[in-house]
């Protein structure tokens, strides 16, 4: 599987679910994997404005929606880098 983080970022940006924490959270993850840490930190801060209790509860929030341990761990690893 080839990682297409540019394509993923474009797809996420097209979503119109602005009040859901998933959009800025996914953008932060993508930006981490692209090495764009300043942008990732900004996206993460945006996500925290929507879901201020996310920090410290990352595994609970992600685990509620993602059943694949591999995918959940990839997201958590990226968020830990911020």
C-alpha atoms as a PDB file:
ATOM      1  CA  UNK A   1       0.000   0.000   0.000  1.00  0.00           C
ATOM      2  CA  UNK A   2       1.425   3.338  -1.011  1.00  0.00           C
ATOM      3  CA  UNK A   3       0.730   6.235   1.305  1.00  0.00           C
ATOM      4  CA  UNK A   4      -0.938   9.128  -0.503  1.00  0.00           C
ATOM      5  CA  UNK A   5      -0.965  11.763   2.196  1.00  0.00           C
ATOM      6  CA  UNK A   6      -1.423  14.621  -0.290  1.00  0.00           C
ATOM      7  CA  UNK A   7      -4.534  12.954  -1.724  1.00  0.00           C
ATOM      8  CA  UNK A   8      -5.804  12.127   1.754  1.00  0.00           C
ATOM      9  CA  UNK A   9      -5.386  15.728   2.870  1.00  0.00           C
ATOM     10  CA  UNK A  10      -7.298  17.002  -0.177  1.00  0.00           C
ATOM     11  CA  UNK A  11     -10.118  14.533   0.491  1.00  0.00           C
ATOM     12  CA  UNK A  12     -10.386  15.475   4.157  1.00  0.00           C
ATOM     13  CA  UNK A  13     -10.401  19.184   3.272  1.00  0.00           C
ATOM     14  CA  UNK A  14     -13.448  18.631   1.048  1.00  0.00           C
ATOM     15  CA  UNK A  15     -15.540  17.300   3.914  1.00  0.00           C
ATOM     16  CA  UNK A  16     -18.061  19.784   5.264  1.00  0.00           C
ATOM     17  CA  UNK A  17     -18.228  18.435   8.791  1.00  0.00           C
ATOM     18  CA  UNK A  18     -16.423  21.375  10.342  1.00  0.00           C
ATOM     19  CA  UNK A  19     -17.866  20.972  13.837  1.00  0.00           C
ATOM     20  CA  UNK A  20     -16.653  17.401  14.204  1.00  0.00           C
ATOM     21  CA  UNK A  21     -13.267  16.884  15.805  1.00  0.00           C
ATOM     22  CA  UNK A  22     -12.402  14.174  13.257  1.00  0.00           C
ATOM     23  CA  UNK A  23     -11.651  16.607  10.424  1.00  0.00           C
ATOM     24  CA  UNK A  24      -8.903  18.639  12.141  1.00  0.00           C
ATOM     25  CA  UNK A  25      -7.666  15.503  13.936  1.00  0.00           C
ATOM     26  CA  UNK A  26      -7.241  13.614  10.650  1.00  0.00           C
ATOM     27  CA  UNK A  27      -5.618  16.674   9.100  1.00  0.00           C
ATOM     28  CA  UNK A  28      -3.148  16.777  12.013  1.00  0.00           C
ATOM     29  CA  UNK A  29      -2.299  13.102  11.538  1.00  0.00           C
ATOM     30  CA  UNK A  30      -1.808  13.513   7.795  1.00  0.00           C
ATOM     31  CA  UNK A  31       0.328  16.609   8.293  1.00  0.00           C
ATOM     32  CA  UNK A  32       2.531  14.770  10.824  1.00  0.00           C
ATOM     33  CA  UNK A  33       3.176  11.993   8.319  1.00  0.00           C
ATOM     34  CA  UNK A  34       3.982  14.615   5.674  1.00  0.00           C
ATOM     35  CA  UNK A  35       6.460  16.253   8.068  1.00  0.00           C
ATOM     36  CA  UNK A  36       4.412  19.460   8.292  1.00  0.00           C
ATOM     37  CA  UNK A  37       4.591  19.827  12.072  1.00  0.00           C
ATOM     38  CA  UNK A  38       3.589  23.509  12.328  1.00  0.00           C
ATOM     39  CA  UNK A  39       0.441  22.867  10.312  1.00  0.00           C
ATOM     40  CA  UNK A  40      -0.202  19.678  12.303  1.00  0.00           C
ATOM     41  CA  UNK A  41       0.025  21.576  15.584  1.00  0.00           C
ATOM     42  CA  UNK A  42      -2.430  24.177  14.282  1.00  0.00           C
ATOM     43  CA  UNK A  43      -4.868  21.466  13.190  1.00  0.00           C
ATOM     44  CA  UNK A  44      -4.483  19.745  16.558  1.00  0.00           C
ATOM     45  CA  UNK A  45      -5.241  23.007  18.398  1.00  0.00           C
ATOM     46  CA  UNK A  46      -8.318  23.479  16.200  1.00  0.00           C
ATOM     47  CA  UNK A  47      -9.435  19.966  17.116  1.00  0.00           C
ATOM     48  CA  UNK A  48      -8.953  20.699  20.826  1.00  0.00           C
ATOM     49  CA  UNK A  49     -11.242  23.730  20.522  1.00  0.00           C
ATOM     50  CA  UNK A  50     -13.981  21.398  19.299  1.00  0.00           C
ATOM     51  CA  UNK A  51     -13.181  18.517  21.678  1.00  0.00           C
ATOM     52  CA  UNK A  52     -11.166  19.939  24.618  1.00  0.00           C
ATOM     53  CA  UNK A  53     -11.232  16.641  26.529  1.00  0.00           C
ATOM     54  CA  UNK A  54      -9.570  14.712  23.688  1.00  0.00           C
ATOM     55  CA  UNK A  55      -6.112  15.145  25.187  1.00  0.00           C
ATOM     56  CA  UNK A  56      -5.594  12.311  27.621  1.00  0.00           C
ATOM     57  CA  UNK A  57      -8.570  10.414  26.181  1.00  0.00           C
ATOM     58  CA  UNK A  58      -7.218   9.770  22.691  1.00  0.00           C
ATOM     59  CA  UNK A  59      -7.416   5.992  22.925  1.00  0.00           C
ATOM     60  CA  UNK A  60     -10.991   6.074  24.204  1.00  0.00           C
ATOM     61  CA  UNK A  61     -12.210   8.404  21.437  1.00  0.00           C
ATOM     62  CA  UNK A  62     -10.429   6.567  18.642  1.00  0.00           C
ATOM     63  CA  UNK A  63     -11.303   3.139  20.014  1.00  0.00           C
ATOM     64  CA  UNK A  64     -14.997   4.019  20.011  1.00  0.00           C
ATOM     65  CA  UNK A  65     -14.954   4.369  16.220  1.00  0.00           C
ATOM     66  CA  UNK A  66     -11.959   2.397  14.962  1.00  0.00           C
ATOM     67  CA  UNK A  67     -11.870  -1.338  15.529  1.00  0.00           C
ATOM     68  CA  UNK A  68      -8.590  -2.005  13.727  1.00  0.00           C
ATOM     69  CA  UNK A  69      -5.694  -1.893  16.209  1.00  0.00           C
ATOM     70  CA  UNK A  70      -3.242  -1.184  13.372  1.00  0.00           C
ATOM     71  CA  UNK A  71      -5.149   1.882  12.160  1.00  0.00           C
ATOM     72  CA  UNK A  72      -5.803   3.139  15.683  1.00  0.00           C
ATOM     73  CA  UNK A  73      -2.107   2.760  16.551  1.00  0.00           C
ATOM     74  CA  UNK A  74      -1.025   4.616  13.404  1.00  0.00           C
ATOM     75  CA  UNK A  75      -3.264   7.548  14.372  1.00  0.00           C
ATOM     76  CA  UNK A  76      -2.073   7.495  17.986  1.00  0.00           C
ATOM     77  CA  UNK A  77       1.583   7.355  16.929  1.00  0.00           C
ATOM     78  CA  UNK A  78       1.140  10.459  14.793  1.00  0.00           C
ATOM     79  CA  UNK A  79      -0.668  12.349  17.558  1.00  0.00           C
ATOM     80  CA  UNK A  80       2.067  11.448  20.057  1.00  0.00           C
ATOM     81  CA  UNK A  81       4.576  13.252  17.840  1.00  0.00           C
ATOM     82  CA  UNK A  82       2.850  16.586  18.415  1.00  0.00           C
END
